[in-house]
Amino acid sequence: MESNFHGRSNSLPSRPHPLILKCNQHLDTLRASNETSTSSSLLRHKIGGLQDLIVCVEKLIQLPLTQHALLHECQENWVDDLLDGSLRLLDACTSAKDALLHTKECTRELQSMIRRKRGGEVKLTLEVKKFLTCRKVVKKATSKALSNLTGTSRNCNISYPTNKDHQTVALMSLLRDVEVATLSTFQTMLQFISGSTQPKSNRWLSFSKLMQPKRVGCSLVADENEFAQVDLALQSFVFTKTSKYEDVNGLQNHLEKMESCIQDLEEGLEFLFRRLIKIRVSLLNILNH
């Protein structure tokens, strides 16, 4: 492949490389899954699509034609912005990982308290309040991260110079679109972890209905995400005046589902984090060559 490439001009070949086409296919698939949803299964599907895209981009970066284009353009602003973008992606991924880790630690403490059944209802209520305080910290952190992502998305709208050859512009556009799509996915994930994927007014409606008899409440929050389910269930647990231990089994069920969801999201994020690091290292190696 290298010999054919060097035998041509210094510009990228006129026909797109199959990996570029494949990256665009993965990008289109990811964009098609951008509908807002509180379903964890759809979020997992979205993360899977992002993983496919990032793996494809990682392979694209290794192509001699891509490396040549980056070296040829290394003094241009768009290359610097590409490096800055790789840091933005790692920062967003780290924010999501931290939010999951903090929630997981608090979840395990609460589950341990429930299993021990020591201290009575008062102690259990205090532990639930501690968990809700933990969730407030997570929500504050995710809100800050989301605010940063909003500012980043505004900076992603740039116009490309017209004096570049068509293939170079196509590569620039693709890499920028990948960054935007990746940031969008992390934004969706942060919103999901914070439990804020539906309007506040609807959330308060769900909470008020959850305060009704348990048989009604459980069905009304079935379409919520696992984090929102736990938040609402524990708020109900704190404010209800019935016997606390009547709701312990329901709490355990919600906590176990959320813990399972956390594990899936953590695995997906860890995969993405490792791949994003590899891409950044590859870019640095190319440009420092």
C-alpha atoms as a PDB file:
ATOM      1  CA  MET A   1       0.000   0.000   0.000  1.00  0.00           C
ATOM      2  CA  GLU A   2       2.870   2.362   0.891  1.00  0.00           C
ATOM      3  CA  SER A   3       4.653   1.910  -2.452  1.00  0.00           C
ATOM      4  CA  ASN A   4       1.462   2.736  -4.377  1.00  0.00           C
ATOM      5  CA  PHE A   5       0.890   5.737  -2.189  1.00  0.00           C
ATOM      6  CA  HIS A   6       4.369   7.220  -2.567  1.00  0.00           C
ATOM      7  CA  GLY A   7       4.197   6.771  -6.302  1.00  0.00           C
ATOM      8  CA  ARG A   8       1.360   9.284  -6.460  1.00  0.00           C
ATOM      9  CA  SER A   9       1.190  12.993  -5.735  1.00  0.00           C
ATOM     10  CA  ASN A  10       1.504  14.451  -2.261  1.00  0.00           C
ATOM     11  CA  SER A  11      -2.256  14.858  -1.953  1.00  0.00           C
ATOM     12  CA  LEU A  12      -4.615  12.190  -0.779  1.00  0.00           C
ATOM     13  CA  PRO A  13      -5.897   9.849  -3.526  1.00  0.00           C
ATOM     14  CA  SER A  14      -9.003  11.046  -5.321  1.00  0.00           C
ATOM     15  CA  ARG A  15     -11.053   7.999  -4.383  1.00  0.00           C
ATOM     16  CA  PRO A  16     -11.870   7.746  -0.658  1.00  0.00           C
ATOM     17  CA  HIS A  17     -10.102   4.950   1.152  1.00  0.00           C
ATOM     18  CA  PRO A  18     -12.482   2.135   2.250  1.00  0.00           C
ATOM     19  CA  LEU A  19     -11.766   3.006   5.901  1.00  0.00           C
ATOM     20  CA  ILE A  20     -12.925   6.570   5.326  1.00  0.00           C
ATOM     21  CA  LEU A  21     -16.146   5.261   3.828  1.00  0.00           C
ATOM     22  CA  LYS A  22     -16.554   2.841   6.732  1.00  0.00           C
ATOM     23  CA  CYS A  23     -15.981   5.604   9.277  1.00  0.00           C
ATOM     24  CA  ASN A  24     -18.677   7.673   7.596  1.00  0.00           C
ATOM     25  CA  GLN A  25     -21.043   4.698   7.706  1.00  0.00           C
ATOM     26  CA  HIS A  26     -20.453   4.276  11.445  1.00  0.00           C
ATOM     27  CA  LEU A  27     -20.906   8.020  11.871  1.00  0.00           C
ATOM     28  CA  ASP A  28     -24.233   7.968  10.044  1.00  0.00           C
ATOM     29  CA  THR A  29     -25.400   5.045  12.198  1.00  0.00           C
ATOM     30  CA  LEU A  30     -24.441   6.893  15.363  1.00  0.00           C
ATOM     31  CA  ARG A  31     -26.210  10.037  14.234  1.00  0.00           C
ATOM     32  CA  ALA A  32     -29.346   8.011  13.505  1.00  0.00           C
ATOM     33  CA  SER A  33     -29.400   6.866  17.147  1.00  0.00           C
ATOM     34  CA  ASN A  34     -29.383  10.414  18.489  1.00  0.00           C
ATOM     35  CA  GLU A  35     -33.044  10.422  19.492  1.00  0.00           C
ATOM     36  CA  THR A  36     -33.537  11.369  23.140  1.00  0.00           C
ATOM     37  CA  SER A  37     -34.515   8.370  25.243  1.00  0.00           C
ATOM     38  CA  THR A  38     -34.412   7.256  28.849  1.00  0.00           C
ATOM     39  CA  SER A  39     -33.850   3.646  27.835  1.00  0.00           C
ATOM     40  CA  SER A  40     -30.593   2.134  29.052  1.00  0.00           C
ATOM     41  CA  SER A  41     -30.742  -0.456  26.272  1.00  0.00           C
ATOM     42  CA  LEU A  42     -30.740   2.293  23.629  1.00  0.00           C
ATOM     43  CA  LEU A  43     -27.866   4.017  25.423  1.00  0.00           C
ATOM     44  CA  ARG A  44     -25.872   0.775  25.385  1.00  0.00           C
ATOM     45  CA  HIS A  45     -26.593   0.490  21.668  1.00  0.00           C
ATOM     46  CA  LYS A  46     -25.384   4.053  21.169  1.00  0.00           C
ATOM     47  CA  ILE A  47     -22.165   3.339  23.082  1.00  0.00           C
ATOM     48  CA  GLY A  48     -21.623   0.234  20.966  1.00  0.00           C
ATOM     49  CA  GLY A  49     -21.989   2.339  17.839  1.00  0.00           C
ATOM     50  CA  LEU A  50     -19.476   4.842  19.183  1.00  0.00           C
ATOM     51  CA  GLN A  51     -17.026   2.035  19.940  1.00  0.00           C
ATOM     52  CA  ASP A  52     -17.259   0.834  16.326  1.00  0.00           C
ATOM     53  CA  LEU A  53     -16.643   4.375  15.091  1.00  0.00           C
ATOM     54  CA  ILE A  54     -13.640   5.001  17.349  1.00  0.00           C
ATOM     55  CA  VAL A  55     -12.029   1.683  16.397  1.00  0.00           C
ATOM     56  CA  CYS A  56     -12.448   2.631  12.749  1.00  0.00           C
ATOM     57  CA  VAL A  57     -10.912   6.068  13.348  1.00  0.00           C
ATOM     58  CA  GLU A  58      -8.004   4.472  15.176  1.00  0.00           C
ATOM     59  CA  LYS A  59      -7.289   2.365  12.081  1.00  0.00           C
ATOM     60  CA  LEU A  60      -7.719   5.400   9.848  1.00  0.00           C
ATOM     61  CA  ILE A  61      -5.082   7.330  11.806  1.00  0.00           C
ATOM     62  CA  GLN A  62      -2.599   4.515  11.144  1.00  0.00           C
ATOM     63  CA  LEU A  63      -2.952   4.758   7.361  1.00  0.00           C
ATOM     64  CA  PRO A  64       0.099   6.203   5.563  1.00  0.00           C
ATOM     65  CA  LEU A  65      -2.181   8.502   3.561  1.00  0.00           C
ATOM     66  CA  THR A  66      -3.674   9.956   6.745  1.00  0.00           C
ATOM     67  CA  GLN A  67      -0.296  10.351   8.398  1.00  0.00           C
ATOM     68  CA  HIS A  68       1.035  12.087   5.284  1.00  0.00           C
ATOM     69  CA  ALA A  69      -1.885  14.520   5.295  1.00  0.00           C
ATOM     70  CA  LEU A  70      -1.372  15.320   8.982  1.00  0.00           C
ATOM     71  CA  LEU A  71       2.355  15.899   8.506  1.00  0.00           C
ATOM     72  CA  HIS A  72       1.721  18.075   5.452  1.00  0.00           C
ATOM     73  CA  GLU A  73      -0.806  20.129   7.425  1.00  0.00           C
ATOM     74  CA  CYS A  74       0.972  20.074  10.796  1.00  0.00           C
ATOM     75  CA  GLN A  75       1.362  23.881  10.889  1.00  0.00           C
ATOM     76  CA  GLU A  76      -2.325  24.474  10.254  1.00  0.00           C
ATOM     77  CA  ASN A  77      -4.811  25.485  12.947  1.00  0.00           C
ATOM     78  CA  TRP A  78      -7.111  22.558  12.246  1.00  0.00           C
ATOM     79  CA  VAL A  79      -4.398  20.100  13.283  1.00  0.00           C
ATOM     80  CA  ASP A  80      -3.883  21.950  16.576  1.00  0.00           C
ATOM     81  CA  ASP A  81      -7.632  21.910  17.079  1.00  0.00           C
ATOM     82  CA  LEU A  82      -7.666  18.183  16.373  1.00  0.00           C
ATOM     83  CA  LEU A  83      -5.184  17.665  19.219  1.00  0.00           C
ATOM     84  CA  ASP A  84      -7.212  19.922  21.499  1.00  0.00           C
ATOM     85  CA  GLY A  85     -10.292  17.929  20.545  1.00  0.00           C
ATOM     86  CA  SER A  86      -8.648  14.684  21.611  1.00  0.00           C
ATOM     87  CA  LEU A  87      -8.196  16.211  25.071  1.00  0.00           C
ATOM     88  CA  ARG A  88     -11.812  17.379  25.129  1.00  0.00           C
ATOM     89  CA  LEU A  89     -12.965  13.846  24.431  1.00  0.00           C
ATOM     90  CA  LEU A  90     -10.776  12.397  27.179  1.00  0.00           C
ATOM     91  CA  ASP A  91     -12.030  15.019  29.648  1.00  0.00           C
ATOM     92  CA  ALA A  92     -15.665  14.235  28.844  1.00  0.00           C
ATOM     93  CA  CYS A  93     -15.035  10.500  29.120  1.00  0.00           C
ATOM     94  CA  THR A  94     -13.282  10.992  32.474  1.00  0.00           C
ATOM     95  CA  SER A  95     -16.217  13.043  33.806  1.00  0.00           C
ATOM     96  CA  ALA A  96     -18.621  10.224  32.973  1.00  0.00           C
ATOM     97  CA  LYS A  97     -16.297   7.619  34.514  1.00  0.00           C
ATOM     98  CA  ASP A  98     -15.983   9.653  37.725  1.00  0.00           C
ATOM     99  CA  ALA A  99     -19.758  10.101  37.994  1.00  0.00           C
ATOM    100  CA  LEU A 100     -20.279   6.348  37.641  1.00  0.00           C
ATOM    101  CA  LEU A 101     -17.566   5.514  40.168  1.00  0.00           C
ATOM    102  CA  HIS A 102     -18.945   7.891  42.792  1.00  0.00           C
ATOM    103  CA  THR A 103     -22.491   6.569  42.336  1.00  0.00           C
ATOM    104  CA  LYS A 104     -21.275   2.948  42.479  1.00  0.00           C
ATOM    105  CA  GLU A 105     -19.417   3.494  45.746  1.00  0.00           C
ATOM    106  CA  CYS A 106     -22.456   5.086  47.394  1.00  0.00           C
ATOM    107  CA  THR A 107     -24.691   2.329  46.043  1.00  0.00           C
ATOM    108  CA  ARG A 108     -22.542  -0.396  47.566  1.00  0.00           C
ATOM    109  CA  GLU A 109     -22.544   1.331  50.957  1.00  0.00           C
ATOM    110  CA  LEU A 110     -26.331   1.560  50.929  1.00  0.00           C
ATOM    111  CA  GLN A 111     -26.740  -2.049  49.800  1.00  0.00           C
ATOM    112  CA  SER A 112     -24.401  -3.201  52.571  1.00  0.00           C
ATOM    113  CA  MET A 113     -26.494  -1.306  55.125  1.00  0.00           C
ATOM    114  CA  ILE A 114     -29.708  -2.852  53.826  1.00  0.00           C
ATOM    115  CA  ARG A 115     -28.268  -6.376  53.927  1.00  0.00           C
ATOM    116  CA  ARG A 116     -26.968  -5.995  57.490  1.00  0.00           C
ATOM    117  CA  LYS A 117     -30.338  -4.697  58.730  1.00  0.00           C
ATOM    118  CA  ARG A 118     -28.683  -3.009  61.689  1.00  0.00           C
ATOM    119  CA  GLY A 119     -29.693   0.250  63.322  1.00  0.00           C
ATOM    120  CA  GLY A 120     -33.401   0.065  62.523  1.00  0.00           C
ATOM    121  CA  GLU A 121     -35.399   2.411  60.360  1.00  0.00           C
ATOM    122  CA  VAL A 122     -33.703   5.545  61.664  1.00  0.00           C
ATOM    123  CA  LYS A 123     -30.242   4.338  60.682  1.00  0.00           C
ATOM    124  CA  LEU A 124     -31.494   3.133  57.310  1.00  0.00           C
ATOM    125  CA  THR A 125     -33.174   6.472  56.623  1.00  0.00           C
ATOM    126  CA  LEU A 126     -29.936   8.296  57.449  1.00  0.00           C
ATOM    127  CA  GLU A 127     -28.038   6.049  55.039  1.00  0.00           C
ATOM    128  CA  VAL A 128     -30.598   6.743  52.312  1.00  0.00           C
ATOM    129  CA  LYS A 129     -30.215  10.482  52.910  1.00  0.00           C
ATOM    130  CA  LYS A 130     -26.450  10.043  52.663  1.00  0.00           C
ATOM    131  CA  PHE A 131     -26.931   8.358  49.296  1.00  0.00           C
ATOM    132  CA  LEU A 132     -29.162  11.183  48.076  1.00  0.00           C
ATOM    133  CA  THR A 133     -26.489  13.672  49.152  1.00  0.00           C
ATOM    134  CA  CYS A 134     -23.987  11.669  47.129  1.00  0.00           C
ATOM    135  CA  ARG A 135     -26.277  11.867  44.125  1.00  0.00           C
ATOM    136  CA  LYS A 136     -26.492  15.655  44.533  1.00  0.00           C
ATOM    137  CA  VAL A 137     -22.704  15.797  44.296  1.00  0.00           C
ATOM    138  CA  VAL A 138     -22.807  13.655  41.160  1.00  0.00           C
ATOM    139  CA  LYS A 139     -25.542  15.791  39.611  1.00  0.00           C
ATOM    140  CA  LYS A 140     -23.558  18.965  40.319  1.00  0.00           C
ATOM    141  CA  ALA A 141     -20.431  17.470  38.733  1.00  0.00           C
ATOM    142  CA  THR A 142     -22.308  16.225  35.669  1.00  0.00           C
ATOM    143  CA  SER A 143     -24.033  19.597  35.318  1.00  0.00           C
ATOM    144  CA  LYS A 144     -20.628  21.305  35.234  1.00  0.00           C
ATOM    145  CA  ALA A 145     -19.325  18.759  32.711  1.00  0.00           C
ATOM    146  CA  LEU A 146     -22.405  19.245  30.533  1.00  0.00           C
ATOM    147  CA  SER A 147     -21.938  23.007  30.670  1.00  0.00           C
ATOM    148  CA  ASN A 148     -18.360  22.552  29.468  1.00  0.00           C
ATOM    149  CA  LEU A 149     -19.552  20.305  26.646  1.00  0.00           C
ATOM    150  CA  THR A 150     -22.090  22.917  25.567  1.00  0.00           C
ATOM    151  CA  GLY A 151     -19.334  25.487  25.280  1.00  0.00           C
ATOM    152  CA  THR A 152     -17.187  22.986  23.408  1.00  0.00           C
ATOM    153  CA  SER A 153     -19.924  22.228  20.878  1.00  0.00           C
ATOM    154  CA  ARG A 154     -20.102  25.911  19.971  1.00  0.00           C
ATOM    155  CA  ASN A 155     -16.381  25.897  19.272  1.00  0.00           C
ATOM    156  CA  CYS A 156     -16.730  22.910  16.936  1.00  0.00           C
ATOM    157  CA  ASN A 157     -18.430  24.915  14.205  1.00  0.00           C
ATOM    158  CA  ILE A 158     -15.539  26.004  12.010  1.00  0.00           C
ATOM    159  CA  SER A 159     -15.177  26.633   8.310  1.00  0.00           C
ATOM    160  CA  TYR A 160     -12.417  24.909   6.418  1.00  0.00           C
ATOM    161  CA  PRO A 161     -10.019  26.725   4.061  1.00  0.00           C
ATOM    162  CA  THR A 162     -10.899  26.504   0.405  1.00  0.00           C
ATOM    163  CA  ASN A 163      -7.293  26.181  -0.769  1.00  0.00           C
ATOM    164  CA  LYS A 164      -6.992  22.541   0.402  1.00  0.00           C
ATOM    165  CA  ASP A 165      -7.514  19.624  -1.920  1.00  0.00           C
ATOM    166  CA  HIS A 166     -10.862  17.905  -1.744  1.00  0.00           C
ATOM    167  CA  GLN A 167      -9.623  14.767   0.004  1.00  0.00           C
ATOM    168  CA  THR A 168      -7.819  16.693   2.736  1.00  0.00           C
ATOM    169  CA  VAL A 169     -10.942  18.725   3.441  1.00  0.00           C
ATOM    170  CA  ALA A 170     -12.948  15.486   3.542  1.00  0.00           C
ATOM    171  CA  LEU A 171     -10.539  14.062   6.121  1.00  0.00           C
ATOM    172  CA  MET A 172     -10.658  17.254   8.185  1.00  0.00           C
ATOM    173  CA  SER A 173     -14.443  17.245   8.085  1.00  0.00           C
ATOM    174  CA  LEU A 174     -14.662  13.578   9.049  1.00  0.00           C
ATOM    175  CA  LEU A 175     -12.383  13.925  12.065  1.00  0.00           C
ATOM    176  CA  ARG A 176     -14.296  16.981  13.253  1.00  0.00           C
ATOM    177  CA  ASP A 177     -17.624  15.214  12.799  1.00  0.00           C
ATOM    178  CA  VAL A 178     -16.293  12.276  14.818  1.00  0.00           C
ATOM    179  CA  GLU A 179     -15.407  14.637  17.658  1.00  0.00           C
ATOM    180  CA  VAL A 180     -18.848  16.229  17.611  1.00  0.00           C
ATOM    181  CA  ALA A 181     -20.631  12.857  17.551  1.00  0.00           C
ATOM    182  CA  THR A 182     -18.458  11.521  20.366  1.00  0.00           C
ATOM    183  CA  LEU A 183     -19.059  14.577  22.544  1.00  0.00           C
ATOM    184  CA  SER A 184     -22.791  14.263  21.847  1.00  0.00           C
ATOM    185  CA  THR A 185     -22.745  10.649  23.035  1.00  0.00           C
ATOM    186  CA  PHE A 186     -20.894  11.582  26.210  1.00  0.00           C
ATOM    187  CA  GLN A 187     -23.430  14.338  26.759  1.00  0.00           C
ATOM    188  CA  THR A 188     -26.272  11.823  26.499  1.00  0.00           C
ATOM    189  CA  MET A 189     -24.488   9.530  28.918  1.00  0.00           C
ATOM    190  CA  LEU A 190     -23.874  12.291  31.479  1.00  0.00           C
ATOM    191  CA  GLN A 191     -27.540  13.277  31.314  1.00  0.00           C
ATOM    192  CA  PHE A 192     -28.512   9.642  31.802  1.00  0.00           C
ATOM    193  CA  ILE A 193     -26.217   9.205  34.828  1.00  0.00           C
ATOM    194  CA  SER A 194     -27.589  12.364  36.412  1.00  0.00           C
ATOM    195  CA  GLY A 195     -31.124  11.047  35.944  1.00  0.00           C
ATOM    196  CA  SER A 196     -32.139  14.236  34.144  1.00  0.00           C
ATOM    197  CA  THR A 197     -33.167  12.835  30.763  1.00  0.00           C
ATOM    198  CA  GLN A 198     -36.708  14.123  31.046  1.00  0.00           C
ATOM    199  CA  PRO A 199     -38.027  17.657  31.722  1.00  0.00           C
ATOM    200  CA  LYS A 200     -38.064  18.700  35.387  1.00  0.00           C
ATOM    201  CA  SER A 201     -41.841  19.175  35.404  1.00  0.00           C
ATOM    202  CA  ASN A 202     -42.353  15.569  34.287  1.00  0.00           C
ATOM    203  CA  ARG A 203     -39.858  14.358  36.896  1.00  0.00           C
ATOM    204  CA  TRP A 204     -41.812  16.058  39.674  1.00  0.00           C
ATOM    205  CA  LEU A 205     -44.988  14.519  38.306  1.00  0.00           C
ATOM    206  CA  SER A 206     -43.353  11.090  38.465  1.00  0.00           C
ATOM    207  CA  PHE A 207     -42.201  11.787  42.021  1.00  0.00           C
ATOM    208  CA  SER A 208     -45.637  12.889  43.177  1.00  0.00           C
ATOM    209  CA  LYS A 209     -47.180   9.762  41.678  1.00  0.00           C
ATOM    210  CA  LEU A 210     -44.455   7.596  43.162  1.00  0.00           C
ATOM    211  CA  MET A 211     -45.591   8.863  46.569  1.00  0.00           C
ATOM    212  CA  GLN A 212     -48.914   7.115  45.932  1.00  0.00           C
ATOM    213  CA  PRO A 213     -49.401   3.410  46.793  1.00  0.00           C
ATOM    214  CA  LYS A 214     -46.457   1.264  45.750  1.00  0.00           C
ATOM    215  CA  ARG A 215     -48.397  -0.798  43.207  1.00  0.00           C
ATOM    216  CA  VAL A 216     -49.172   2.355  41.207  1.00  0.00           C
ATOM    217  CA  GLY A 217     -45.777   4.021  41.614  1.00  0.00           C
ATOM    218  CA  CYS A 218     -43.700   1.136  40.288  1.00  0.00           C
ATOM    219  CA  SER A 219     -45.511   1.063  36.979  1.00  0.00           C
ATOM    220  CA  LEU A 220     -45.304   4.818  36.551  1.00  0.00           C
ATOM    221  CA  VAL A 221     -41.505   4.908  36.692  1.00  0.00           C
ATOM    222  CA  ALA A 222     -41.002   1.837  34.494  1.00  0.00           C
ATOM    223  CA  ASP A 223     -39.987   4.016  31.550  1.00  0.00           C
ATOM    224  CA  GLU A 224     -37.374   5.918  33.585  1.00  0.00           C
ATOM    225  CA  ASN A 225     -33.683   5.166  33.432  1.00  0.00           C
ATOM    226  CA  GLU A 226     -32.176   3.144  36.277  1.00  0.00           C
ATOM    227  CA  PHE A 227     -30.548   6.166  37.916  1.00  0.00           C
ATOM    228  CA  ALA A 228     -33.791   8.139  37.889  1.00  0.00           C
ATOM    229  CA  GLN A 229     -35.658   5.111  39.261  1.00  0.00           C
ATOM    230  CA  VAL A 230     -33.325   4.916  42.253  1.00  0.00           C
ATOM    231  CA  ASP A 231     -33.471   8.674  42.874  1.00  0.00           C
ATOM    232  CA  LEU A 232     -37.258   8.704  42.881  1.00  0.00           C
ATOM    233  CA  ALA A 233     -37.595   5.516  44.928  1.00  0.00           C
ATOM    234  CA  LEU A 234     -35.234   6.769  47.627  1.00  0.00           C
ATOM    235  CA  GLN A 235     -36.912  10.170  47.812  1.00  0.00           C
ATOM    236  CA  SER A 236     -40.197   8.350  48.278  1.00  0.00           C
ATOM    237  CA  PHE A 237     -38.575   6.156  50.932  1.00  0.00           C
ATOM    238  CA  VAL A 238     -37.424   9.194  52.916  1.00  0.00           C
ATOM    239  CA  PHE A 239     -40.693  11.110  52.778  1.00  0.00           C
ATOM    240  CA  THR A 240     -43.264   8.326  53.111  1.00  0.00           C
ATOM    241  CA  LYS A 241     -44.785   7.808  56.552  1.00  0.00           C
ATOM    242  CA  THR A 242     -45.396   4.091  56.198  1.00  0.00           C
ATOM    243  CA  SER A 243     -43.094   1.426  57.617  1.00  0.00           C
ATOM    244  CA  LYS A 244     -39.717   1.781  55.920  1.00  0.00           C
ATOM    245  CA  TYR A 245     -38.959  -1.915  55.810  1.00  0.00           C
ATOM    246  CA  GLU A 246     -42.042  -2.555  53.703  1.00  0.00           C
ATOM    247  CA  ASP A 247     -40.170  -0.930  50.810  1.00  0.00           C
ATOM    248  CA  VAL A 248     -36.734  -2.509  51.336  1.00  0.00           C
ATOM    249  CA  ASN A 249     -37.191  -5.230  48.716  1.00  0.00           C
ATOM    250  CA  GLY A 250     -38.233  -2.647  46.158  1.00  0.00           C
ATOM    251  CA  LEU A 251     -35.199  -0.531  47.002  1.00  0.00           C
ATOM    252  CA  GLN A 252     -32.865  -3.476  46.637  1.00  0.00           C
ATOM    253  CA  ASN A 253     -34.366  -4.284  43.253  1.00  0.00           C
ATOM    254  CA  HIS A 254     -33.834  -0.736  41.990  1.00  0.00           C
ATOM    255  CA  LEU A 255     -30.276  -0.626  43.362  1.00  0.00           C
ATOM    256  CA  GLU A 256     -29.352  -3.966  41.778  1.00  0.00           C
ATOM    257  CA  LYS A 257     -30.650  -2.833  38.380  1.00  0.00           C
ATOM    258  CA  MET A 258     -28.714   0.399  38.615  1.00  0.00           C
ATOM    259  CA  GLU A 259     -25.551  -1.421  39.680  1.00  0.00           C
ATOM    260  CA  SER A 260     -25.848  -3.697  36.652  1.00  0.00           C
ATOM    261  CA  CYS A 261     -26.317  -0.666  34.415  1.00  0.00           C
ATOM    262  CA  ILE A 262     -23.274   1.023  35.996  1.00  0.00           C
ATOM    263  CA  GLN A 263     -21.146  -2.021  35.251  1.00  0.00           C
ATOM    264  CA  ASP A 264     -22.176  -2.038  31.586  1.00  0.00           C
ATOM    265  CA  LEU A 265     -21.534   1.689  31.206  1.00  0.00           C
ATOM    266  CA  GLU A 266     -18.186   1.450  32.986  1.00  0.00           C
ATOM    267  CA  GLU A 267     -17.024  -1.292  30.632  1.00  0.00           C
ATOM    268  CA  GLY A 268     -18.081   0.739  27.610  1.00  0.00           C
ATOM    269  CA  LEU A 269     -16.389   3.888  28.891  1.00  0.00           C
ATOM    270  CA  GLU A 270     -13.172   2.083  29.780  1.00  0.00           C
ATOM    271  CA  PHE A 271     -12.996   0.679  26.256  1.00  0.00           C
ATOM    272  CA  LEU A 272     -13.531   4.135  24.768  1.00  0.00           C
ATOM    273  CA  PHE A 273     -11.052   5.756  27.140  1.00  0.00           C
ATOM    274  CA  ARG A 274      -8.271   3.343  26.165  1.00  0.00           C
ATOM    275  CA  ARG A 275      -8.972   3.814  22.462  1.00  0.00           C
ATOM    276  CA  LEU A 276      -9.095   7.604  22.725  1.00  0.00           C
ATOM    277  CA  ILE A 277      -5.743   7.605  24.503  1.00  0.00           C
ATOM    278  CA  LYS A 278      -4.265   5.470  21.730  1.00  0.00           C
ATOM    279  CA  ILE A 279      -5.579   7.869  19.095  1.00  0.00           C
ATOM    280  CA  ARG A 280      -4.112  10.883  20.888  1.00  0.00           C
ATOM    281  CA  VAL A 281      -0.744   9.159  21.313  1.00  0.00           C
ATOM    282  CA  SER A 282      -0.758   8.237  17.630  1.00  0.00           C
ATOM    283  CA  LEU A 283      -1.485  11.831  16.634  1.00  0.00           C
ATOM    284  CA  LEU A 284       1.317  13.134  18.832  1.00  0.00           C
ATOM    285  CA  ASN A 285       3.748  10.573  17.453  1.00  0.00           C
ATOM    286  CA  ILE A 286       2.869  11.479  13.875  1.00  0.00           C
ATOM    287  CA  LEU A 287       3.196  15.219  14.407  1.00  0.00           C
ATOM    288  CA  ASN A 288       6.426  14.900  16.386  1.00  0.00           C
ATOM    289  CA  HIS A 289       7.986  12.635  13.773  1.00  0.00           C
END
